N, C-alpha and C. Protein backbone atom coordinates (compact mmCIF):
# COMPACT_ATOMS: atom_id res chain seq x y z
N UNK A 1 100.35 93.68 117.46
CA UNK A 1 99.59 93.06 118.51
C UNK A 1 100.30 91.83 118.99
N UNK A 2 100.57 91.14 118.13
CA UNK A 2 101.18 89.68 118.51
C UNK A 2 102.54 89.87 119.31
N UNK A 3 103.24 90.92 118.93
CA UNK A 3 104.64 91.06 119.36
C UNK A 3 104.50 91.59 120.90
N UNK A 4 103.41 92.33 121.35
CA UNK A 4 103.35 92.94 122.52
C UNK A 4 102.36 91.96 123.49
N UNK A 5 101.88 90.71 123.22
CA UNK A 5 101.01 90.07 123.85
C UNK A 5 101.73 89.37 125.07
N UNK A 6 102.95 88.92 124.60
CA UNK A 6 103.56 88.08 125.80
C UNK A 6 103.17 86.69 125.96
N UNK A 7 102.41 86.29 124.92
CA UNK A 7 101.82 84.84 124.76
C UNK A 7 102.25 84.26 123.56
N UNK A 8 102.24 82.97 123.41
CA UNK A 8 102.60 82.34 122.18
C UNK A 8 101.39 82.60 121.10
N UNK A 9 101.86 82.75 119.86
CA UNK A 9 100.72 82.94 118.84
C UNK A 9 100.98 81.90 117.76
N UNK A 10 99.97 81.61 117.20
CA UNK A 10 100.10 80.54 116.03
C UNK A 10 99.55 81.43 114.70
N UNK A 11 100.55 81.51 113.88
CA UNK A 11 100.31 82.05 112.61
C UNK A 11 100.19 81.19 111.42
N UNK A 12 99.11 81.13 110.74
CA UNK A 12 98.95 80.26 109.60
C UNK A 12 98.50 81.00 108.31
N UNK A 13 98.80 80.43 107.32
CA UNK A 13 98.41 81.29 105.97
C UNK A 13 96.91 81.39 105.93
N UNK A 14 96.43 82.43 105.28
CA UNK A 14 94.92 82.72 105.22
C UNK A 14 94.50 82.26 103.79
N UNK A 15 95.46 81.89 102.94
CA UNK A 15 94.87 81.24 101.55
C UNK A 15 95.85 79.96 101.43
N UNK A 16 95.33 79.05 100.49
CA UNK A 16 95.91 77.93 100.24
C UNK A 16 95.64 76.91 101.26
N UNK A 17 96.34 75.69 101.00
CA UNK A 17 96.03 74.64 101.96
C UNK A 17 97.13 74.53 102.96
N UNK A 18 96.71 74.17 104.28
CA UNK A 18 97.61 73.92 105.24
C UNK A 18 97.63 72.54 105.53
N UNK A 19 98.95 71.96 105.34
CA UNK A 19 99.03 70.52 105.67
C UNK A 19 98.98 70.24 107.05
N UNK A 20 100.14 70.22 107.59
CA UNK A 20 100.12 69.84 109.24
C UNK A 20 100.54 71.26 109.71
N UNK A 21 99.98 71.29 111.07
CA UNK A 21 100.18 72.53 111.91
C UNK A 21 101.10 72.12 113.09
N UNK A 22 102.26 72.78 113.23
CA UNK A 22 103.04 72.55 114.35
C UNK A 22 104.32 71.68 114.15
N UNK A 23 104.51 71.16 112.88
CA UNK A 23 105.66 70.33 112.65
C UNK A 23 106.85 71.21 112.39
N UNK A 24 106.78 72.33 111.86
CA UNK A 24 107.87 73.27 111.72
C UNK A 24 107.46 74.49 112.45
N UNK A 25 108.28 75.02 113.28
CA UNK A 25 107.92 75.99 114.14
C UNK A 25 109.08 76.94 114.20
N UNK A 26 108.64 78.33 114.06
CA UNK A 26 109.57 79.28 114.17
C UNK A 26 109.33 80.24 115.50
N UNK A 27 110.27 80.33 116.24
CA UNK A 27 110.17 81.15 117.58
C UNK A 27 110.83 82.63 117.27
N UNK A 28 109.99 83.59 117.52
CA UNK A 28 110.64 84.93 117.37
C UNK A 28 111.11 85.38 118.81
N UNK A 29 112.33 85.68 118.86
CA UNK A 29 112.83 86.09 120.39
C UNK A 29 113.34 87.51 120.37
N UNK A 30 112.97 88.16 121.34
CA UNK A 30 113.65 89.48 121.67
C UNK A 30 113.81 89.39 123.09
N UNK A 31 114.83 89.56 123.53
CA UNK A 31 115.31 89.46 125.06
C UNK A 31 114.31 90.28 125.85
N UNK A 32 113.67 89.54 126.90
CA UNK A 32 112.64 90.30 127.72
C UNK A 32 111.70 89.21 128.35
N UNK A 33 111.02 89.81 129.26
CA UNK A 33 110.04 88.88 130.00
C UNK A 33 108.99 88.26 129.15
N UNK A 34 108.51 89.01 128.32
CA UNK A 34 107.32 88.69 127.44
C UNK A 34 107.80 87.48 126.65
N UNK A 35 108.98 87.63 125.98
CA UNK A 35 109.56 86.52 125.16
C UNK A 35 109.57 85.14 125.96
N UNK A 36 110.31 85.53 127.00
CA UNK A 36 110.39 84.29 128.11
C UNK A 36 109.25 83.61 128.42
N UNK A 37 107.99 84.33 128.70
CA UNK A 37 106.80 83.78 129.06
C UNK A 37 106.28 83.03 127.97
N UNK A 38 106.16 83.72 126.59
CA UNK A 38 105.69 83.02 125.43
C UNK A 38 106.56 81.81 125.17
N UNK A 39 107.76 81.71 125.35
CA UNK A 39 108.60 80.53 125.05
C UNK A 39 108.15 79.38 126.10
N UNK A 40 108.10 79.92 127.33
CA UNK A 40 107.67 78.72 128.33
C UNK A 40 106.16 78.18 127.96
N UNK A 41 105.31 79.13 127.55
CA UNK A 41 104.02 78.68 127.36
C UNK A 41 103.87 77.84 126.23
N UNK A 42 104.74 78.03 125.26
CA UNK A 42 104.84 77.24 123.96
C UNK A 42 105.34 75.74 124.02
N UNK A 43 105.98 75.59 125.03
CA UNK A 43 106.76 74.21 125.14
C UNK A 43 106.01 73.08 124.67
N UNK A 44 104.64 72.73 125.01
CA UNK A 44 104.01 71.68 124.60
C UNK A 44 103.93 71.55 123.10
N UNK A 45 103.70 72.85 122.47
CA UNK A 45 103.71 72.72 120.97
C UNK A 45 105.19 72.40 120.43
N UNK A 46 106.16 73.06 121.06
CA UNK A 46 107.51 72.88 120.57
C UNK A 46 108.01 71.48 120.70
N UNK A 47 107.74 70.81 121.75
CA UNK A 47 108.24 69.33 121.92
C UNK A 47 107.58 68.34 120.88
N UNK A 48 106.47 68.68 120.40
CA UNK A 48 105.90 67.84 119.27
C UNK A 48 106.37 68.32 117.84
N UNK A 49 107.09 69.38 117.84
CA UNK A 49 107.52 69.84 116.50
C UNK A 49 108.70 68.85 115.93
N UNK A 50 108.75 68.84 114.57
CA UNK A 50 109.91 68.17 113.96
C UNK A 50 111.07 69.07 113.82
N UNK A 51 110.78 70.33 113.66
CA UNK A 51 111.87 71.26 113.47
C UNK A 51 111.32 72.57 114.24
N UNK A 52 112.33 73.20 115.07
CA UNK A 52 112.18 74.46 115.73
C UNK A 52 113.29 75.39 115.33
N UNK A 53 112.97 76.56 114.89
CA UNK A 53 114.09 77.50 114.50
C UNK A 53 113.82 78.84 115.30
N UNK A 54 114.71 79.28 115.86
CA UNK A 54 114.70 80.53 116.79
C UNK A 54 115.26 81.73 116.07
N UNK A 55 114.50 82.78 115.76
CA UNK A 55 115.16 83.98 115.20
C UNK A 55 115.08 84.95 116.28
N UNK A 56 115.99 86.02 116.12
CA UNK A 56 116.09 86.84 117.26
C UNK A 56 116.49 88.21 116.68
N UNK A 57 116.21 89.26 117.29
CA UNK A 57 116.83 90.47 116.88
C UNK A 57 117.13 91.40 118.02
N UNK A 58 118.03 92.38 117.89
CA UNK A 58 118.43 93.21 119.10
C UNK A 58 119.54 94.13 118.54
N UNK A 59 120.05 94.86 119.55
CA UNK A 59 121.11 95.80 119.26
C UNK A 59 122.56 95.32 119.29
N UNK A 60 122.78 94.32 120.14
CA UNK A 60 124.12 94.02 120.53
C UNK A 60 124.30 92.50 119.96
N UNK A 61 125.18 92.42 118.89
CA UNK A 61 125.46 91.00 118.35
C UNK A 61 126.06 89.90 119.43
N UNK A 62 126.86 90.62 120.25
CA UNK A 62 127.54 89.60 121.25
C UNK A 62 126.46 89.10 122.23
N UNK A 63 125.49 90.07 122.70
CA UNK A 63 124.47 89.60 123.68
C UNK A 63 123.58 88.63 122.73
N UNK A 64 123.31 88.91 121.53
CA UNK A 64 122.42 87.99 120.83
C UNK A 64 122.97 86.57 120.77
N UNK A 65 124.32 86.43 120.48
CA UNK A 65 124.88 85.06 120.46
C UNK A 65 124.85 84.40 121.86
N UNK A 66 124.94 85.20 122.98
CA UNK A 66 124.95 84.54 124.38
C UNK A 66 123.40 84.14 124.61
N UNK A 67 122.43 84.98 123.99
CA UNK A 67 121.10 84.64 124.33
C UNK A 67 120.73 83.37 123.52
N UNK A 68 121.31 83.25 122.28
CA UNK A 68 120.90 82.16 121.35
C UNK A 68 121.47 80.82 122.09
N UNK A 69 122.66 80.85 122.71
CA UNK A 69 122.97 79.67 123.43
C UNK A 69 122.19 79.39 124.48
N UNK A 70 121.83 80.25 125.24
CA UNK A 70 120.80 80.02 126.39
C UNK A 70 119.49 79.48 126.01
N UNK A 71 118.98 80.09 124.97
CA UNK A 71 117.69 79.62 124.34
C UNK A 71 117.90 78.13 123.88
N UNK A 72 118.97 77.82 123.22
CA UNK A 72 119.12 76.47 122.81
C UNK A 72 119.09 75.38 124.05
N UNK A 73 119.93 75.87 124.93
CA UNK A 73 120.10 74.90 126.18
C UNK A 73 118.74 74.80 126.78
N UNK A 74 118.00 75.88 127.07
CA UNK A 74 116.69 75.73 127.51
C UNK A 74 115.72 74.88 126.89
N UNK A 75 115.80 74.96 125.44
CA UNK A 75 114.80 74.16 124.67
C UNK A 75 115.37 72.64 124.83
N UNK A 76 116.53 72.40 124.78
CA UNK A 76 116.98 71.01 124.96
C UNK A 76 116.72 70.38 126.32
N UNK A 77 116.89 71.27 127.35
CA UNK A 77 116.60 70.90 128.67
C UNK A 77 115.02 70.37 128.74
N UNK A 78 114.21 71.03 128.06
CA UNK A 78 112.79 70.84 128.08
C UNK A 78 112.28 69.78 126.98
N UNK A 79 113.24 69.11 126.47
CA UNK A 79 112.82 68.14 125.41
C UNK A 79 112.58 68.52 124.02
N UNK A 80 112.92 69.76 123.67
CA UNK A 80 112.76 70.22 122.28
C UNK A 80 113.84 69.96 121.44
N UNK A 81 113.61 69.39 120.26
CA UNK A 81 114.82 68.90 119.38
C UNK A 81 115.32 70.17 118.67
């Protein structure tokens, strides 16, 4: 459900203690409009994060490399470390 919603989602553990939320963020990227909308909508959270990691999947490794460079530039442009 989360993958198909096209919006950012916050996933936290259901057991144990949660220290701080939003300091270490993982962005799941699959090329497409839904991922682009979710990334743009999550910029306020990403700007406040100490660490942002982008993971992606797809069928074409060359395209994935190109996408990774574009995502990195987009995040830097919007003030994400």
